[in-house]
Protein backbone atom coordinates (compact mmCIF):
# COMPACT_ATOMS: atom_id res chain seq x y z
CA MET A 1 25.33 -3.99 5.72
CA ALA A 2 21.89 -5.43 4.99
CA SER A 3 21.63 -8.08 2.35
CA LYS A 4 19.40 -7.65 -0.68
CA LYS A 5 17.04 -10.24 0.79
CA ASP A 6 16.66 -8.28 4.06
CA SER A 7 16.15 -4.91 2.43
CA ASP A 8 13.67 -6.01 -0.24
CA TRP A 9 11.25 -8.22 1.75
CA THR A 10 8.67 -5.43 1.85
CA GLN A 11 8.42 -5.42 -1.92
CA LEU A 12 7.67 -9.13 -2.21
CA LYS A 13 4.43 -9.85 -4.01
CA ALA A 14 1.63 -10.92 -1.68
CA SER A 15 0.08 -14.33 -2.33
CA ASP A 16 -3.54 -15.39 -1.97
CA GLU A 17 -2.49 -17.32 1.14
CA ASP A 18 -0.95 -14.14 2.60
CA ARG A 19 -4.21 -12.28 1.98
CA GLU A 20 -6.29 -15.08 3.53
CA LYS A 21 -4.20 -14.94 6.72
CA VAL A 22 -4.69 -11.19 7.02
CA ILE A 23 -8.43 -11.54 6.35
CA ALA A 24 -8.70 -14.13 9.14
CA GLU A 25 -6.82 -11.84 11.51
CA LEU A 26 -9.00 -8.83 10.63
CA ARG A 27 -12.18 -10.84 11.19
CA GLN A 28 -10.91 -11.95 14.59
CA HIS A 29 -10.17 -8.36 15.58
CA TYR A 30 -13.69 -7.41 14.49
CA SER A 31 -15.19 -10.19 16.62
CA LEU A 32 -13.16 -8.93 19.60
CA GLY A 33 -14.53 -5.41 19.12
CA ARG A 34 -11.32 -3.77 17.95
CA LEU A 35 -12.72 -2.83 14.55
CA THR A 36 -16.09 -1.42 13.55
CA ILE A 37 -17.94 -3.01 10.65
CA GLU A 38 -16.94 -0.04 8.49
CA GLU A 39 -13.25 -0.44 9.41
CA LEU A 40 -13.44 -4.17 8.72
CA GLN A 41 -15.06 -3.67 5.32
CA ASP A 42 -12.53 -1.00 4.37
CA ARG A 43 -9.56 -3.16 5.38
CA LEU A 44 -10.97 -6.27 3.67
CA THR A 45 -11.42 -4.31 0.44
CA LYS A 46 -7.87 -3.01 0.66
CA CYS A 47 -6.58 -6.49 1.49
CA LEU A 48 -7.93 -7.85 -1.78
CA GLU A 49 -6.37 -4.98 -3.74
CA VAL A 50 -2.84 -4.87 -2.34
CA LYS A 51 0.09 -6.19 -4.28
CA THR A 52 2.97 -6.35 -1.79
CA VAL A 53 3.62 -7.84 1.63
CA SER A 54 4.31 -4.40 3.09
CA GLU A 55 0.89 -3.18 1.99
CA LEU A 56 -0.69 -6.16 3.77
CA TYR A 57 1.31 -5.43 6.90
CA THR A 58 -0.13 -1.91 7.11
CA LEU A 59 -3.65 -3.36 7.44
CA THR A 60 -2.88 -4.94 10.83
CA ASN A 61 0.04 -2.82 12.00
CA ASP A 62 -2.10 -0.92 14.54
CA LEU A 63 -3.68 -4.07 16.04
CA PRO A 64 -2.27 -6.47 18.66
CA TYR A 65 -0.69 -9.70 17.49
CA LEU A 66 -3.09 -12.67 17.60
CA GLY A 67 -0.82 -15.44 16.40
CA ILE A 68 -2.89 -16.07 13.29
CA GLY A 69 -0.10 -14.82 11.12
CA ASN A 70 0.77 -12.03 8.87
CA PRO A 71 2.63 -12.66 5.65
CA ALA A 72 5.98 -14.24 6.38
CA SER A 73 8.79 -11.76 6.44
CA PRO A 74 12.13 -11.51 8.19
CA MET A 75 10.89 -8.62 10.32
CA SER A 76 7.14 -8.76 10.83
CA SER A 77 6.99 -11.56 13.40
CA THR A 78 9.87 -10.10 15.42
CA ARG A 79 8.38 -6.61 15.49
CA ARG A 80 4.95 -7.89 16.45
CA LYS A 81 6.32 -10.11 19.24
CA LYS A 82 8.24 -7.12 20.68
CA ARG A 83 5.14 -4.97 20.48
CA ARG A 84 3.06 -7.68 22.15
CA ARG A 85 5.55 -7.95 25.03
CA SER A 86 5.63 -4.19 25.51
CA TRP A 87 2.05 -4.02 26.79
CA LEU A 88 2.10 -7.16 28.94
């Protein structure tokens, strides 16, 4: 049975530091050519508007892991590492 902590991590409020990490990651993906300028602008706007960690996670969920960091959560780093290994 999952603990309350494990099941509710997605509803944690996102901090300014969490948003800054995601912004850095999005900018890096743009510089690598994975995002168009329009996609970057859209995701940056959304990043500044989101309230929860899970909403932040959706902004980079379709991009490869860069190691910059997404908001800390019990699951995000594990899922991203597995996904990164799957294409190596």
